[in-house]
Every structure is written in structure tokens, then in C-alpha cells.
């Protein structure tokens, strides 16, 4: 008699990262079950079915959460936080109740948890957490994930940098480049607003949007979708890895280099430089936030590198060409 296949439960499987993870696990021989809003084996309002899927599963992966590629209105801010914390809580309660809990639980997080950094890369060991809305979402997300003792389940928080692939962040950047707006982007002063204020039980920051004289050299940490999947497989199969893991390419770029690379990739010779007073209204039209290109994210994948992970995509230009072609 053929042995039953191991079960992998993937929550948030409908996103572009989730779809790739589902395909990879199926290729690896897992019986993949999904949790989501619709078209899944269990929906978020069906706690009983979620518990039955999780009980006995070998692996649990949670990638659920509203896209941050939107304007940070009060309604969107609340849903960005709720969709991460509540789904993680639901899964944690299912793991707690399971007679046979998963051996490993990989939960999405974000490299935006770290501070604005231009002086040195932020690692899992010595990285410094930041403040304000995006950071608070990440803090509350991880606090929920690591809450309570789950002695039989190894937990890994996947602190993802901006993912290069057919997703919202890459599409926005390519669109800017094609429109001739792919020049260097410069931070600067702007009218006070409170969209980036902290959120949650203990919000940080003073509620005012920060700005920095970056000179277009704000760092851009990224990772190709292939390496997200590769890292998920790598971490899944190495029981010694637990806690936060940075998912970012070994070599970060900066904004000036990023935008020049985008222009070459899409064949657009013109790239108007953009200052914050130009970016704010432009990003409002695109229904997203200038934080995408103005925050200096400099993240190093020290856990992956020290464990021997080999990146499939180290060069930003070749990574972007796999998406733009």
C-alpha cells in the first residue's frame, strides 16, 4: 500500500507568492490544502475545518494579509493590520488545539520591520526595529505569531523584502519606468499627514511623516520570487532554523541604481527625476504610497547565508528582466 502523502497547509494561497508556494509544495509531493477567503479548502470563518486541516499536517505556511499596495486610509490601515494578526491568531489557536501539530510553521512577515537604514544592513541578529505604521503592523504580526508556547512546532517568521515578480510592487515600479517617471526619487518635506502613524495597542512614533536627505541613495532590498520559494523550501527542511529569517537578496541596491535598471529593462531612455512634492500626488493617483520608493530598506539575509542557501538571483537587472519580458 502506498504511504499517504504529507499534508502542507497554505493560508493566503491566492496571492502571487502563495500560488508559487502551492505549486512548489505540490511538486515536492505534498498534499496541499489551502485556507483563504474563497475557493479554498477552508475559509477564515470556518474554524472547525481549519483545525481539521492543521491537525496532522506536516507543514503550515501562512501568507495571508491585505496588500499594502494601497493608500493608507483609516479603513485600509485597519484591514492591513487585522488581516495579518487575526489570521495568524486563528492558525495559532488551531495549532494549539491540534492533537498532532505541524512540525514547522512558516509565517509571513516583512523586512519593513527594521528602521530606515543607510549606514549598515539590518540582520536578524543586530537589526534595529523602526517605528510608525508599517513597523507596528510587523511588530503586532510577529507578536501574535510567537505568542504562547508551541513546543512541538518550530516557528519561522519570514521577513520578506520587496518581492520581484508579477506582484503589485514590481508592477508599480515597471509602470513608473514605462511612463517616463523612472528617474531617481528624492525625499523631502511634505505637508503633515497621519497616514504613517503607529497602530495597535502600543503605537510608536509621533504621528508625523518622517523624511530624510537621502540624495536618491535610499537602499532597496529585494528578493526574486524564485528565491522566496527556494528559501521557504530551504527553511522547511532544516530543523535548526527558527525565529526571524530575512528573505532578501545578498546584495541590496539603491534607488538611483534601481530606477536606472528599470529604465534599461523596459527600454525607456527617459526617466524624469521625482522629488517628494511630485511623488505624493503621483502616488495618490496610482493609489499607493511613496513609502515604497522613499524608505531606505537595507536588509541582509545572514541566517540564510550562514546556513548555506544559494540564491538563484543575485543581480537585480537579470531578476527584473524575468518579469518584464
C-alpha atoms as a PDB file:
ATOM      1  CA  UNK A   1       0.000   0.000   0.000  1.00  0.00           C
ATOM      2  CA  UNK A   2       1.311   3.423  -0.933  1.00  0.00           C
ATOM      3  CA  UNK A   3       2.037   5.636   2.082  1.00  0.00           C
ATOM      4  CA  UNK A   4      -0.182   8.696   2.443  1.00  0.00           C
ATOM      5  CA  UNK A   5       1.428  11.907   1.267  1.00  0.00           C
ATOM      6  CA  UNK A   6       2.391  14.516   3.834  1.00  0.00           C
ATOM      7  CA  UNK A   7      -0.023  17.395   4.107  1.00  0.00           C
ATOM      8  CA  UNK A   8       1.018  21.034   3.712  1.00  0.00           C
ATOM      9  CA  UNK A   9      -1.497  23.712   4.673  1.00  0.00           C
ATOM     10  CA  UNK A  10      -1.008  27.031   2.871  1.00  0.00           C
ATOM     11  CA  UNK A  11      -3.023  30.058   4.002  1.00  0.00           C
ATOM     12  CA  UNK A  12      -3.176  33.066   1.719  1.00  0.00           C
ATOM     13  CA  UNK A  13      -2.627  30.798  -1.281  1.00  0.00           C
ATOM     14  CA  UNK A  14      -4.342  33.074  -3.803  1.00  0.00           C
ATOM     15  CA  UNK A  15      -1.639  35.764  -3.866  1.00  0.00           C
ATOM     16  CA  UNK A  16       1.238  35.617  -6.332  1.00  0.00           C
ATOM     17  CA  UNK A  17       3.640  34.349  -3.644  1.00  0.00           C
ATOM     18  CA  UNK A  18       1.044  31.906  -2.327  1.00  0.00           C
ATOM     19  CA  UNK A  19       0.374  30.440  -5.765  1.00  0.00           C
ATOM     20  CA  UNK A  20       4.093  29.840  -6.289  1.00  0.00           C
ATOM     21  CA  UNK A  21       4.449  28.167  -2.880  1.00  0.00           C
ATOM     22  CA  UNK A  22       1.463  25.897  -3.559  1.00  0.00           C
ATOM     23  CA  UNK A  23       2.985  24.793  -6.882  1.00  0.00           C
ATOM     24  CA  UNK A  24       6.343  24.131  -5.251  1.00  0.00           C
ATOM     25  CA  UNK A  25       4.909  22.048  -2.430  1.00  0.00           C
ATOM     26  CA  UNK A  26       2.811  20.029  -4.871  1.00  0.00           C
ATOM     27  CA  UNK A  27       5.944  19.378  -6.937  1.00  0.00           C
ATOM     28  CA  UNK A  28       7.671  18.224  -3.753  1.00  0.00           C
ATOM     29  CA  UNK A  29       4.990  15.564  -3.256  1.00  0.00           C
ATOM     30  CA  UNK A  30       2.866  17.236  -0.583  1.00  0.00           C
ATOM     31  CA  UNK A  31      -0.905  17.037  -0.462  1.00  0.00           C
ATOM     32  CA  UNK A  32      -1.565  20.784  -0.381  1.00  0.00           C
ATOM     33  CA  UNK A  33      -4.640  22.132   1.396  1.00  0.00           C
ATOM     34  CA  UNK A  34      -5.474  25.829   1.357  1.00  0.00           C
ATOM     35  CA  UNK A  35      -7.096  28.403   3.628  1.00  0.00           C
ATOM     36  CA  UNK A  36      -8.447  31.664   2.216  1.00  0.00           C
ATOM     37  CA  UNK A  37     -11.414  33.909   1.583  1.00  0.00           C
ATOM     38  CA  UNK A  38     -12.926  31.833  -1.233  1.00  0.00           C
ATOM     39  CA  UNK A  39     -12.090  28.902  -3.491  1.00  0.00           C
ATOM     40  CA  UNK A  40     -10.032  27.281  -0.733  1.00  0.00           C
ATOM     41  CA  UNK A  41     -10.387  24.073   1.272  1.00  0.00           C
ATOM     42  CA  UNK A  42     -11.306  26.188   4.291  1.00  0.00           C
ATOM     43  CA  UNK A  43     -12.421  29.789   4.669  1.00  0.00           C
ATOM     44  CA  UNK A  44     -11.388  32.025   7.539  1.00  0.00           C
ATOM     45  CA  UNK A  45     -14.839  31.924   9.126  1.00  0.00           C
ATOM     46  CA  UNK A  46     -14.782  28.105   9.289  1.00  0.00           C
ATOM     47  CA  UNK A  47     -12.638  27.471  12.337  1.00  0.00           C
ATOM     48  CA  UNK A  48     -13.621  23.808  12.586  1.00  0.00           C
ATOM     49  CA  UNK A  49     -12.374  22.982   9.099  1.00  0.00           C
ATOM     50  CA  UNK A  50      -9.183  24.959   9.664  1.00  0.00           C
ATOM     51  CA  UNK A  51      -8.479  22.951  12.807  1.00  0.00           C
ATOM     52  CA  UNK A  52      -9.077  19.674  10.981  1.00  0.00           C
ATOM     53  CA  UNK A  53      -6.677  20.697   8.191  1.00  0.00           C
ATOM     54  CA  UNK A  54      -3.944  21.804  10.587  1.00  0.00           C
ATOM     55  CA  UNK A  55      -4.201  18.728  12.839  1.00  0.00           C
ATOM     56  CA  UNK A  56      -1.816  16.174  11.387  1.00  0.00           C
ATOM     57  CA  UNK A  57      -0.301  18.452   8.753  1.00  0.00           C
ATOM     58  CA  UNK A  58       3.463  18.299   8.358  1.00  0.00           C
ATOM     59  CA  UNK A  59       3.894  21.950   7.360  1.00  0.00           C
ATOM     60  CA  UNK A  60       1.860  25.118   7.845  1.00  0.00           C
ATOM     61  CA  UNK A  61       2.579  28.221   5.768  1.00  0.00           C
ATOM     62  CA  UNK A  62       0.717  31.491   6.324  1.00  0.00           C
ATOM     63  CA  UNK A  63       0.975  34.201   3.680  1.00  0.00           C
ATOM     64  CA  UNK A  64      -2.381  35.866   4.347  1.00  0.00           C
ATOM     65  CA  UNK A  65      -2.776  39.624   4.553  1.00  0.00           C
ATOM     66  CA  UNK A  66      -4.250  42.539   2.634  1.00  0.00           C
ATOM     67  CA  UNK A  67      -1.842  44.012   0.101  1.00  0.00           C
ATOM     68  CA  UNK A  68      -0.026  47.125   1.300  1.00  0.00           C
ATOM     69  CA  UNK A  69      -0.077  48.445  -2.265  1.00  0.00           C
ATOM     70  CA  UNK A  70      -2.861  50.883  -1.419  1.00  0.00           C
ATOM     71  CA  UNK A  71      -3.444  54.277   0.163  1.00  0.00           C
ATOM     72  CA  UNK A  72      -3.192  54.172   3.937  1.00  0.00           C
ATOM     73  CA  UNK A  73      -6.703  55.352   4.647  1.00  0.00           C
ATOM     74  CA  UNK A  74      -8.049  54.543   8.099  1.00  0.00           C
ATOM     75  CA  UNK A  75     -10.086  51.664   6.663  1.00  0.00           C
ATOM     76  CA  UNK A  76      -7.108  50.238   4.765  1.00  0.00           C
ATOM     77  CA  UNK A  77      -4.774  50.669   7.753  1.00  0.00           C
ATOM     78  CA  UNK A  78      -7.170  48.755   9.987  1.00  0.00           C
ATOM     79  CA  UNK A  79      -7.619  45.978   7.433  1.00  0.00           C
ATOM     80  CA  UNK A  80      -3.885  45.653   6.763  1.00  0.00           C
ATOM     81  CA  UNK A  81      -3.334  45.032  10.469  1.00  0.00           C
ATOM     82  CA  UNK A  82      -6.436  42.906  11.093  1.00  0.00           C
ATOM     83  CA  UNK A  83      -5.899  40.656   8.089  1.00  0.00           C
ATOM     84  CA  UNK A  84      -2.454  39.718   9.384  1.00  0.00           C
ATOM     85  CA  UNK A  85      -2.992  39.495  13.120  1.00  0.00           C
ATOM     86  CA  UNK A  86      -6.400  37.797  13.083  1.00  0.00           C
ATOM     87  CA  UNK A  87      -5.451  35.146  10.538  1.00  0.00           C
ATOM     88  CA  UNK A  88      -2.256  34.374  12.448  1.00  0.00           C
ATOM     89  CA  UNK A  89      -4.239  34.116  15.687  1.00  0.00           C
ATOM     90  CA  UNK A  90      -6.743  31.742  14.077  1.00  0.00           C
ATOM     91  CA  UNK A  91      -3.942  29.463  12.894  1.00  0.00           C
ATOM     92  CA  UNK A  92      -2.117  29.618  16.233  1.00  0.00           C
ATOM     93  CA  UNK A  93      -5.271  28.541  18.031  1.00  0.00           C
ATOM     94  CA  UNK A  94      -5.636  25.653  15.558  1.00  0.00           C
ATOM     95  CA  UNK A  95      -2.034  24.587  16.191  1.00  0.00           C
ATOM     96  CA  UNK A  96      -2.580  24.824  19.960  1.00  0.00           C
ATOM     97  CA  UNK A  97      -5.685  22.594  19.739  1.00  0.00           C
ATOM     98  CA  UNK A  98      -4.126  20.029  17.404  1.00  0.00           C
ATOM     99  CA  UNK A  99      -3.514  16.507  18.693  1.00  0.00           C
ATOM    100  CA  UNK A 100      -0.710  16.235  16.127  1.00  0.00           C
ATOM    101  CA  UNK A 101       0.505  19.785  15.427  1.00  0.00           C
ATOM    102  CA  UNK A 102       2.643  20.669  12.397  1.00  0.00           C
ATOM    103  CA  UNK A 103       6.367  20.160  12.811  1.00  0.00           C
ATOM    104  CA  UNK A 104       7.072  23.552  11.252  1.00  0.00           C
ATOM    105  CA  UNK A 105       5.067  26.738  10.782  1.00  0.00           C
ATOM    106  CA  UNK A 106       6.352  29.391   8.397  1.00  0.00           C
ATOM    107  CA  UNK A 107       4.579  32.728   8.770  1.00  0.00           C
ATOM    108  CA  UNK A 108       4.993  35.729   6.513  1.00  0.00           C
ATOM    109  CA  UNK A 109       6.414  38.909   7.977  1.00  0.00           C
ATOM    110  CA  UNK A 110       8.154  41.896   6.419  1.00  0.00           C
ATOM    111  CA  UNK A 111      11.630  43.379   6.259  1.00  0.00           C
ATOM    112  CA  UNK A 112       9.940  46.753   6.781  1.00  0.00           C
ATOM    113  CA  UNK A 113      10.059  45.917  10.495  1.00  0.00           C
ATOM    114  CA  UNK A 114      13.574  47.407  10.557  1.00  0.00           C
ATOM    115  CA  UNK A 115      14.418  51.092  10.849  1.00  0.00           C
ATOM    116  CA  UNK A 116      15.237  53.423   7.977  1.00  0.00           C
ATOM    117  CA  UNK A 117      18.850  52.406   7.333  1.00  0.00           C
ATOM    118  CA  UNK A 118      21.553  53.900   5.134  1.00  0.00           C
ATOM    119  CA  UNK A 119      24.500  53.272   7.438  1.00  0.00           C
ATOM    120  CA  UNK A 120      24.560  49.470   7.614  1.00  0.00           C
ATOM    121  CA  UNK A 121      22.469  46.423   6.707  1.00  0.00           C
ATOM    122  CA  UNK A 122      19.963  45.116   9.224  1.00  0.00           C
ATOM    123  CA  UNK A 123      20.351  41.442  10.134  1.00  0.00           C
ATOM    124  CA  UNK A 124      18.307  39.088  12.275  1.00  0.00           C
ATOM    125  CA  UNK A 125      20.992  39.326  14.973  1.00  0.00           C
ATOM    126  CA  UNK A 126      21.705  43.046  15.275  1.00  0.00           C
ATOM    127  CA  UNK A 127      18.947  44.707  13.255  1.00  0.00           C
ATOM    128  CA  UNK A 128      17.164  47.624  14.905  1.00  0.00           C
ATOM    129  CA  UNK A 129      13.384  47.857  14.692  1.00  0.00           C
ATOM    130  CA  UNK A 130      11.838  51.090  13.490  1.00  0.00           C
ATOM    131  CA  UNK A 131       8.661  52.940  14.357  1.00  0.00           C
ATOM    132  CA  UNK A 132       5.417  54.051  12.735  1.00  0.00           C
ATOM    133  CA  UNK A 133       2.647  52.277  10.845  1.00  0.00           C
ATOM    134  CA  UNK A 134       4.492  49.712   8.713  1.00  0.00           C
ATOM    135  CA  UNK A 135       6.744  48.737  11.593  1.00  0.00           C
ATOM    136  CA  UNK A 136       3.822  48.458  14.008  1.00  0.00           C
ATOM    137  CA  UNK A 137       1.986  46.141  11.629  1.00  0.00           C
ATOM    138  CA  UNK A 138       5.065  43.900  11.526  1.00  0.00           C
ATOM    139  CA  UNK A 139       5.576  44.004  15.307  1.00  0.00           C
ATOM    140  CA  UNK A 140       1.967  43.089  16.073  1.00  0.00           C
ATOM    141  CA  UNK A 141       2.057  40.385  13.401  1.00  0.00           C
ATOM    142  CA  UNK A 142       5.152  38.735  14.851  1.00  0.00           C
ATOM    143  CA  UNK A 143       3.979  39.166  18.446  1.00  0.00           C
ATOM    144  CA  UNK A 144       0.849  37.202  17.569  1.00  0.00           C
ATOM    145  CA  UNK A 145       2.862  34.573  15.727  1.00  0.00           C
ATOM    146  CA  UNK A 146       5.311  33.916  18.546  1.00  0.00           C
ATOM    147  CA  UNK A 147       2.734  34.147  21.356  1.00  0.00           C
ATOM    148  CA  UNK A 148       2.250  31.092  23.602  1.00  0.00           C
ATOM    149  CA  UNK A 149       4.415  28.017  23.881  1.00  0.00           C
ATOM    150  CA  UNK A 150       4.155  25.548  20.994  1.00  0.00           C
ATOM    151  CA  UNK A 151       6.831  23.002  21.936  1.00  0.00           C
ATOM    152  CA  UNK A 152       6.164  20.608  19.053  1.00  0.00           C
ATOM    153  CA  UNK A 153       6.092  23.248  16.311  1.00  0.00           C
ATOM    154  CA  UNK A 154       9.139  25.086  15.008  1.00  0.00           C
ATOM    155  CA  UNK A 155       8.192  28.647  14.067  1.00  0.00           C
ATOM    156  CA  UNK A 156       9.914  30.823  11.461  1.00  0.00           C
ATOM    157  CA  UNK A 157       8.941  34.430  10.655  1.00  0.00           C
ATOM    158  CA  UNK A 158       9.756  35.165   7.004  1.00  0.00           C
ATOM    159  CA  UNK A 159      10.805  38.824   6.946  1.00  0.00           C
ATOM    160  CA  UNK A 160      10.368  39.413   3.213  1.00  0.00           C
ATOM    161  CA  UNK A 161      11.923  42.289   1.333  1.00  0.00           C
ATOM    162  CA  UNK A 162      10.136  43.645  -1.752  1.00  0.00           C
ATOM    163  CA  UNK A 163       9.459  40.635  -3.967  1.00  0.00           C
ATOM    164  CA  UNK A 164      10.482  40.896  -7.617  1.00  0.00           C
ATOM    165  CA  UNK A 165       7.816  39.048  -9.569  1.00  0.00           C
ATOM    166  CA  UNK A 166       4.370  39.511 -11.047  1.00  0.00           C
ATOM    167  CA  UNK A 167       3.157  41.258  -7.923  1.00  0.00           C
ATOM    168  CA  UNK A 168       1.958  44.742  -7.005  1.00  0.00           C
ATOM    169  CA  UNK A 169       5.291  46.297  -6.027  1.00  0.00           C
ATOM    170  CA  UNK A 170       7.120  45.244  -9.184  1.00  0.00           C
ATOM    171  CA  UNK A 171       4.189  46.195 -11.420  1.00  0.00           C
ATOM    172  CA  UNK A 172       4.103  49.685  -9.877  1.00  0.00           C
ATOM    173  CA  UNK A 173       7.838  50.199 -10.403  1.00  0.00           C
ATOM    174  CA  UNK A 174       7.743  48.954 -14.000  1.00  0.00           C
ATOM    175  CA  UNK A 175       4.755  51.192 -14.711  1.00  0.00           C
ATOM    176  CA  UNK A 176       6.606  54.241 -13.413  1.00  0.00           C
ATOM    177  CA  UNK A 177       9.583  53.420 -15.640  1.00  0.00           C
ATOM    178  CA  UNK A 178       7.445  52.876 -18.761  1.00  0.00           C
ATOM    179  CA  UNK A 179       5.667  56.192 -18.193  1.00  0.00           C
ATOM    180  CA  UNK A 180       8.987  58.026 -18.243  1.00  0.00           C
ATOM    181  CA  UNK A 181       8.838  58.596 -14.487  1.00  0.00           C
ATOM    182  CA  UNK A 182      11.663  56.184 -13.752  1.00  0.00           C
ATOM    183  CA  UNK A 183      14.234  58.704 -12.629  1.00  0.00           C
ATOM    184  CA  UNK A 184      15.852  58.875  -9.219  1.00  0.00           C
ATOM    185  CA  UNK A 185      13.392  59.602  -6.427  1.00  0.00           C
ATOM    186  CA  UNK A 186      14.290  62.141  -3.783  1.00  0.00           C
ATOM    187  CA  UNK A 187      12.808  62.509  -0.340  1.00  0.00           C
ATOM    188  CA  UNK A 188      11.894  65.904   1.039  1.00  0.00           C
ATOM    189  CA  UNK A 189       9.455  67.851   3.151  1.00  0.00           C
ATOM    190  CA  UNK A 190       5.725  67.468   2.594  1.00  0.00           C
ATOM    191  CA  UNK A 191       2.503  68.619   4.200  1.00  0.00           C
ATOM    192  CA  UNK A 192       1.872  66.938   7.528  1.00  0.00           C
ATOM    193  CA  UNK A 193      -0.376  63.883   7.443  1.00  0.00           C
ATOM    194  CA  UNK A 194      -1.052  60.986   9.790  1.00  0.00           C
ATOM    195  CA  UNK A 195      -1.267  58.027   7.401  1.00  0.00           C
ATOM    196  CA  UNK A 196       2.041  56.635   8.678  1.00  0.00           C
ATOM    197  CA  UNK A 197       1.248  56.982  12.384  1.00  0.00           C
ATOM    198  CA  UNK A 198       1.654  53.899  14.563  1.00  0.00           C
ATOM    199  CA  UNK A 199      -1.133  51.398  15.066  1.00  0.00           C
ATOM    200  CA  UNK A 200      -2.020  48.698  17.562  1.00  0.00           C
ATOM    201  CA  UNK A 201      -2.051  48.582  21.336  1.00  0.00           C
ATOM    202  CA  UNK A 202       1.257  50.440  21.768  1.00  0.00           C
ATOM    203  CA  UNK A 203       1.826  52.651  18.712  1.00  0.00           C
ATOM    204  CA  UNK A 204       5.238  54.240  18.226  1.00  0.00           C
ATOM    205  CA  UNK A 205       6.302  57.471  16.565  1.00  0.00           C
ATOM    206  CA  UNK A 206       4.837  60.935  16.906  1.00  0.00           C
ATOM    207  CA  UNK A 207       2.403  60.511  14.006  1.00  0.00           C
ATOM    208  CA  UNK A 208       4.264  62.835  11.648  1.00  0.00           C
ATOM    209  CA  UNK A 209       5.707  61.501   8.355  1.00  0.00           C
ATOM    210  CA  UNK A 210       9.481  61.325   8.534  1.00  0.00           C
ATOM    211  CA  UNK A 211      11.775  62.483   5.758  1.00  0.00           C
ATOM    212  CA  UNK A 212      15.482  62.135   5.067  1.00  0.00           C
ATOM    213  CA  UNK A 213      18.069  63.806   2.846  1.00  0.00           C
ATOM    214  CA  UNK A 214      18.740  60.562   1.017  1.00  0.00           C
ATOM    215  CA  UNK A 215      20.009  62.092  -2.239  1.00  0.00           C
ATOM    216  CA  UNK A 216      18.374  59.204  -4.087  1.00  0.00           C
ATOM    217  CA  UNK A 217      20.663  56.739  -2.328  1.00  0.00           C
ATOM    218  CA  UNK A 218      17.997  55.196  -0.126  1.00  0.00           C
ATOM    219  CA  UNK A 219      18.568  51.449  -0.063  1.00  0.00           C
ATOM    220  CA  UNK A 220      16.350  48.980  -1.870  1.00  0.00           C
ATOM    221  CA  UNK A 221      16.391  45.412  -0.560  1.00  0.00           C
ATOM    222  CA  UNK A 222      14.669  42.900  -2.800  1.00  0.00           C
ATOM    223  CA  UNK A 223      14.254  39.190  -3.443  1.00  0.00           C
ATOM    224  CA  UNK A 224      13.106  37.352  -6.558  1.00  0.00           C
ATOM    225  CA  UNK A 225      10.000  35.185  -6.279  1.00  0.00           C
ATOM    226  CA  UNK A 226      12.089  32.128  -7.202  1.00  0.00           C
ATOM    227  CA  UNK A 227      14.239  32.736  -4.127  1.00  0.00           C
ATOM    228  CA  UNK A 228      11.214  33.250  -1.879  1.00  0.00           C
ATOM    229  CA  UNK A 229      10.103  29.756  -2.890  1.00  0.00           C
ATOM    230  CA  UNK A 230      13.636  28.434  -2.634  1.00  0.00           C
ATOM    231  CA  UNK A 231      14.093  29.905   0.836  1.00  0.00           C
ATOM    232  CA  UNK A 232      10.751  28.517   2.006  1.00  0.00           C
ATOM    233  CA  UNK A 233      11.816  25.040   0.883  1.00  0.00           C
ATOM    234  CA  UNK A 234      15.266  25.509   2.423  1.00  0.00           C
ATOM    235  CA  UNK A 235      13.954  26.634   5.817  1.00  0.00           C
ATOM    236  CA  UNK A 236      11.205  23.996   5.803  1.00  0.00           C
ATOM    237  CA  UNK A 237      13.779  21.225   5.513  1.00  0.00           C
ATOM    238  CA  UNK A 238      16.303  22.489   8.089  1.00  0.00           C
ATOM    239  CA  UNK A 239      15.103  21.894  11.642  1.00  0.00           C
ATOM    240  CA  UNK A 240      17.911  24.006  13.102  1.00  0.00           C
ATOM    241  CA  UNK A 241      16.448  27.233  11.681  1.00  0.00           C
ATOM    242  CA  UNK A 242      13.863  29.002  13.853  1.00  0.00           C
ATOM    243  CA  UNK A 243      12.825  32.560  14.678  1.00  0.00           C
ATOM    244  CA  UNK A 244      13.055  35.537  12.293  1.00  0.00           C
ATOM    245  CA  UNK A 245      14.675  34.945   8.897  1.00  0.00           C
ATOM    246  CA  UNK A 246      15.357  37.771   6.441  1.00  0.00           C
ATOM    247  CA  UNK A 247      14.265  36.945   2.902  1.00  0.00           C
ATOM    248  CA  UNK A 248      16.324  39.368   0.838  1.00  0.00           C
ATOM    249  CA  UNK A 249      18.972  39.088  -1.862  1.00  0.00           C
ATOM    250  CA  UNK A 250      22.514  39.270  -0.566  1.00  0.00           C
ATOM    251  CA  UNK A 251      23.250  42.494  -2.474  1.00  0.00           C
ATOM    252  CA  UNK A 252      20.882  45.396  -1.848  1.00  0.00           C
ATOM    253  CA  UNK A 253      20.555  48.102  -4.484  1.00  0.00           C
ATOM    254  CA  UNK A 254      19.809  51.782  -4.003  1.00  0.00           C
ATOM    255  CA  UNK A 255      17.084  53.914  -5.556  1.00  0.00           C
ATOM    256  CA  UNK A 256      19.314  55.572  -8.156  1.00  0.00           C
ATOM    257  CA  UNK A 257      20.568  52.179  -9.375  1.00  0.00           C
ATOM    258  CA  UNK A 258      17.120  50.596  -9.148  1.00  0.00           C
ATOM    259  CA  UNK A 259      15.488  53.208 -11.358  1.00  0.00           C
ATOM    260  CA  UNK A 260      18.312  53.158 -13.914  1.00  0.00           C
ATOM    261  CA  UNK A 261      17.998  49.379 -14.077  1.00  0.00           C
ATOM    262  CA  UNK A 262      14.231  49.597 -14.562  1.00  0.00           C
ATOM    263  CA  UNK A 263      14.693  52.041 -17.450  1.00  0.00           C
ATOM    264  CA  UNK A 264      17.117  49.685 -19.179  1.00  0.00           C
ATOM    265  CA  UNK A 265      14.849  46.704 -18.653  1.00  0.00           C
ATOM    266  CA  UNK A 266      11.762  48.373 -20.188  1.00  0.00           C
ATOM    267  CA  UNK A 267      13.725  50.209 -22.887  1.00  0.00           C
ATOM    268  CA  UNK A 268      12.709  53.674 -21.769  1.00  0.00           C
ATOM    269  CA  UNK A 269      15.564  56.193 -22.225  1.00  0.00           C
ATOM    270  CA  UNK A 270      13.728  58.951 -20.387  1.00  0.00           C
ATOM    271  CA  UNK A 271      13.441  58.918 -16.634  1.00  0.00           C
ATOM    272  CA  UNK A 272      12.392  62.143 -15.018  1.00  0.00           C
ATOM    273  CA  UNK A 273      13.748  62.582 -11.515  1.00  0.00           C
ATOM    274  CA  UNK A 274      10.989  62.845  -8.955  1.00  0.00           C
ATOM    275  CA  UNK A 275      11.024  64.831  -5.740  1.00  0.00           C
ATOM    276  CA  UNK A 276       8.627  64.176  -2.933  1.00  0.00           C
ATOM    277  CA  UNK A 277       6.369  67.065  -3.900  1.00  0.00           C
ATOM    278  CA  UNK A 278       5.949  65.284  -7.263  1.00  0.00           C
ATOM    279  CA  UNK A 279       5.714  61.757  -5.864  1.00  0.00           C
ATOM    280  CA  UNK A 280       2.971  62.463  -3.356  1.00  0.00           C
ATOM    281  CA  UNK A 281       0.288  63.437  -5.917  1.00  0.00           C
ATOM    282  CA  UNK A 282       1.540  60.857  -8.443  1.00  0.00           C
ATOM    283  CA  UNK A 283       1.307  58.018  -5.923  1.00  0.00           C
ATOM    284  CA  UNK A 284      -2.124  59.260  -4.880  1.00  0.00           C
ATOM    285  CA  UNK A 285      -3.262  58.839  -8.495  1.00  0.00           C
ATOM    286  CA  UNK A 286      -1.734  55.331  -8.562  1.00  0.00           C
ATOM    287  CA  UNK A 287      -3.492  54.584  -5.248  1.00  0.00           C
ATOM    288  CA  UNK A 288      -0.331  53.620  -3.411  1.00  0.00           C
ATOM    289  CA  UNK A 289       2.164  55.256  -1.043  1.00  0.00           C
ATOM    290  CA  UNK A 290       5.526  56.936  -1.774  1.00  0.00           C
ATOM    291  CA  UNK A 291       6.992  54.929   1.116  1.00  0.00           C
ATOM    292  CA  UNK A 292       7.534  52.158  -1.452  1.00  0.00           C
ATOM    293  CA  UNK A 293      10.389  54.085  -3.069  1.00  0.00           C
ATOM    294  CA  UNK A 294      11.399  56.564  -0.349  1.00  0.00           C
ATOM    295  CA  UNK A 295      12.041  54.337   2.655  1.00  0.00           C
ATOM    296  CA  UNK A 296      15.620  53.089   2.880  1.00  0.00           C
ATOM    297  CA  UNK A 297      15.326  49.326   3.369  1.00  0.00           C
ATOM    298  CA  UNK A 298      18.723  47.690   3.823  1.00  0.00           C
ATOM    299  CA  UNK A 299      18.360  44.086   4.924  1.00  0.00           C
ATOM    300  CA  UNK A 300      20.926  41.277   4.920  1.00  0.00           C
ATOM    301  CA  UNK A 301      19.972  37.563   4.890  1.00  0.00           C
ATOM    302  CA  UNK A 302      22.529  36.444   7.457  1.00  0.00           C
ATOM    303  CA  UNK A 303      20.610  33.348   8.602  1.00  0.00           C
ATOM    304  CA  UNK A 304      20.148  32.033   5.063  1.00  0.00           C
ATOM    305  CA  UNK A 305      23.729  32.724   4.057  1.00  0.00           C
ATOM    306  CA  UNK A 306      25.243  31.194   7.186  1.00  0.00           C
ATOM    307  CA  UNK A 307      23.092  28.089   6.678  1.00  0.00           C
ATOM    308  CA  UNK A 308      24.363  27.712   3.102  1.00  0.00           C
ATOM    309  CA  UNK A 309      21.442  28.905   0.999  1.00  0.00           C
ATOM    310  CA  UNK A 310      22.484  29.736  -2.587  1.00  0.00           C
ATOM    311  CA  UNK A 311      20.450  32.448  -4.271  1.00  0.00           C
ATOM    312  CA  UNK A 312      19.176  31.829  -7.792  1.00  0.00           C
ATOM    313  CA  UNK A 313      19.019  35.588  -8.494  1.00  0.00           C
ATOM    314  CA  UNK A 314      21.798  37.826  -7.200  1.00  0.00           C
ATOM    315  CA  UNK A 315      21.715  40.511  -9.897  1.00  0.00           C
ATOM    316  CA  UNK A 316      18.801  42.948  -9.830  1.00  0.00           C
ATOM    317  CA  UNK A 317      18.850  43.589 -13.574  1.00  0.00           C
ATOM    318  CA  UNK A 318      18.547  39.942 -14.563  1.00  0.00           C
ATOM    319  CA  UNK A 319      15.892  39.440 -11.887  1.00  0.00           C
ATOM    320  CA  UNK A 320      13.773  42.304 -13.255  1.00  0.00           C
ATOM    321  CA  UNK A 321      14.155  41.044 -16.816  1.00  0.00           C
ATOM    322  CA  UNK A 322      12.449  37.766 -15.862  1.00  0.00           C
ATOM    323  CA  UNK A 323       9.358  39.827 -15.023  1.00  0.00           C
ATOM    324  CA  UNK A 324       9.406  42.499 -17.731  1.00  0.00           C
ATOM    325  CA  UNK A 325       9.970  40.254 -20.733  1.00  0.00           C
END
